C-alpha atoms as a PDB file:
ATOM      1  CA  MET A   1     119.415 105.833 174.566  1.00  0.00           C
ATOM      2  CA  ASP A   2     118.841 107.227 171.109  1.00  0.00           C
ATOM      3  CA  PRO A   3     119.573 110.979 171.386  1.00  0.00           C
ATOM      4  CA  LYS A   4     117.415 111.891 168.387  1.00  0.00           C
ATOM      5  CA  LEU A   5     114.276 110.005 169.399  1.00  0.00           C
ATOM      6  CA  GLY A   6     114.806 109.851 173.148  1.00  0.00           C
ATOM      7  CA  THR A   7     114.007 106.126 173.258  1.00  0.00           C
ATOM      8  CA  LYS A   8     115.863 103.023 174.363  1.00  0.00           C
ATOM      9  CA  PRO A   9     116.347 100.283 171.762  1.00  0.00           C
ATOM     10  CA  PHE A  10     114.866  96.850 172.503  1.00  0.00           C
ATOM     11  CA  CYS A  11     114.170  93.636 170.632  1.00  0.00           C
ATOM     12  CA  THR A  12     110.723  92.183 170.182  1.00  0.00           C
ATOM     13  CA  ASN A  13     108.915  89.807 167.857  1.00  0.00           C
ATOM     14  CA  LEU A  14     106.639  91.914 165.712  1.00  0.00           C
ATOM     15  CA  GLY A  15     103.843  90.476 163.632  1.00  0.00           C
ATOM     16  CA  LEU A  16     103.399  87.234 165.565  1.00  0.00           C
ATOM     17  CA  SER A  17      99.955  86.091 166.534  1.00  0.00           C
ATOM     18  CA  PRO A  18      99.366  85.663 170.288  1.00  0.00           C
ATOM     19  CA  THR A  19      99.019  81.893 169.869  1.00  0.00           C
ATOM     20  CA  PHE A  20     102.270  81.569 167.933  1.00  0.00           C
ATOM     21  CA  ARG A  21     104.048  83.873 170.404  1.00  0.00           C
ATOM     22  CA  MET A  22     102.923  81.598 173.264  1.00  0.00           C
ATOM     23  CA  TYR A  23     104.257  78.488 171.453  1.00  0.00           C
ATOM     24  CA  TYR A  24     107.473  80.322 170.589  1.00  0.00           C
ATOM     25  CA  THR A  25     108.026  81.315 174.221  1.00  0.00           C
ATOM     26  CA  LEU A  26     107.176  77.813 175.424  1.00  0.00           C
ATOM     27  CA  GLY A  27     109.627  76.329 172.915  1.00  0.00           C
ATOM     28  CA  LEU A  28     112.386  78.644 174.081  1.00  0.00           C
ATOM     29  CA  VAL A  29     111.773  77.722 177.719  1.00  0.00           C
ATOM     30  CA  VAL A  30     111.906  74.017 176.905  1.00  0.00           C
ATOM     31  CA  ILE A  31     115.052  74.305 174.788  1.00  0.00           C
ATOM     32  CA  GLN A  32     116.938  76.740 177.014  1.00  0.00           C
ATOM     33  CA  TYR A  33     115.878  75.468 180.441  1.00  0.00           C
ATOM     34  CA  PHE A  34     114.370  71.979 180.515  1.00  0.00           C
ATOM     35  CA  PHE A  35     116.669  70.182 178.033  1.00  0.00           C
ATOM     36  CA  PRO A  36     119.870  71.275 179.821  1.00  0.00           C
ATOM     37  CA  LEU A  37     118.265  70.544 183.200  1.00  0.00           C
ATOM     38  CA  ILE A  38     117.378  67.003 182.133  1.00  0.00           C
ATOM     39  CA  ILE A  39     120.844  66.370 180.692  1.00  0.00           C
ATOM     40  CA  ILE A  40     122.637  67.712 183.782  1.00  0.00           C
ATOM     41  CA  SER A  41     120.339  65.765 186.115  1.00  0.00           C
ATOM     42  CA  ALA A  42     120.948  62.557 184.176  1.00  0.00           C
ATOM     43  CA  ALA A  43     124.711  63.101 184.259  1.00  0.00           C
ATOM     44  CA  TYR A  44     124.760  63.727 188.016  1.00  0.00           C
ATOM     45  CA  THR A  45     122.486  60.741 188.651  1.00  0.00           C
ATOM     46  CA  HIS A  46     124.779  58.527 186.586  1.00  0.00           C
ATOM     47  CA  MET A  47     127.858  59.766 188.480  1.00  0.00           C
ATOM     48  CA  ALA A  48     126.161  59.300 191.846  1.00  0.00           C
ATOM     49  CA  THR A  49     125.122  55.724 191.094  1.00  0.00           C
ATOM     50  CA  LYS A  50     128.617  54.865 189.853  1.00  0.00           C
ATOM     51  CA  LEU A  51     130.291  56.404 192.913  1.00  0.00           C
ATOM     52  CA  TRP A  52     127.810  54.954 195.389  1.00  0.00           C
ATOM     53  CA  GLY A  53     128.465  51.390 194.259  1.00  0.00           C
ATOM     54  CA  THR A  54     132.273  51.510 194.243  1.00  0.00           C
ATOM     55  CA  THR A  55     134.595  50.246 196.939  1.00  0.00           C
ATOM     56  CA  ALA A  56     137.597  52.107 198.273  1.00  0.00           C
ATOM     57  CA  PRO A  57     140.844  51.206 196.474  1.00  0.00           C
ATOM     58  CA  GLY A  58     143.703  49.517 198.304  1.00  0.00           C
ATOM     59  CA  ASN A  59     143.979  46.775 200.878  1.00  0.00           C
ATOM     60  CA  LYS A  60     140.816  45.889 202.722  1.00  0.00           C
ATOM     61  CA  GLU A  61     140.691  47.116 206.316  1.00  0.00           C
ATOM     62  CA  GLU A  62     137.329  46.854 208.051  1.00  0.00           C
ATOM     63  CA  SER A  63     137.610  49.858 210.383  1.00  0.00           C
ATOM     64  CA  ARG A  64     138.883  52.217 207.687  1.00  0.00           C
ATOM     65  CA  ASP A  65     136.325  50.978 205.157  1.00  0.00           C
ATOM     66  CA  ALA A  66     133.506  51.524 207.665  1.00  0.00           C
ATOM     67  CA  VAL A  67     134.638  55.138 208.168  1.00  0.00           C
ATOM     68  CA  VAL A  68     134.875  55.714 204.412  1.00  0.00           C
ATOM     69  CA  LEU A  69     131.427  54.213 203.850  1.00  0.00           C
ATOM     70  CA  ARG A  70     129.917  56.285 206.654  1.00  0.00           C
ATOM     71  CA  ASN A  71     131.474  59.482 205.239  1.00  0.00           C
ATOM     72  CA  LYS A  72     130.306  58.595 201.723  1.00  0.00           C
ATOM     73  CA  LYS A  73     126.688  58.246 202.855  1.00  0.00           C
ATOM     74  CA  LYS A  74     126.578  61.658 204.591  1.00  0.00           C
END
């Protein structure tokens, strides 16, 4: 709070037309929300497909492998 004026400071974009302000806001949403969301989703999808297709390491034992596969698919 500014003691002299009695106002709280804030940031705003002054002098922008309403159309440009809409595009500016839309651009910020895309850059700050959708790009990271797409990158994170792609990374998790890639990890999930890699993990889903792998087999358990070690000697093959049918009963143990069935339990591991069942737990993996939960």
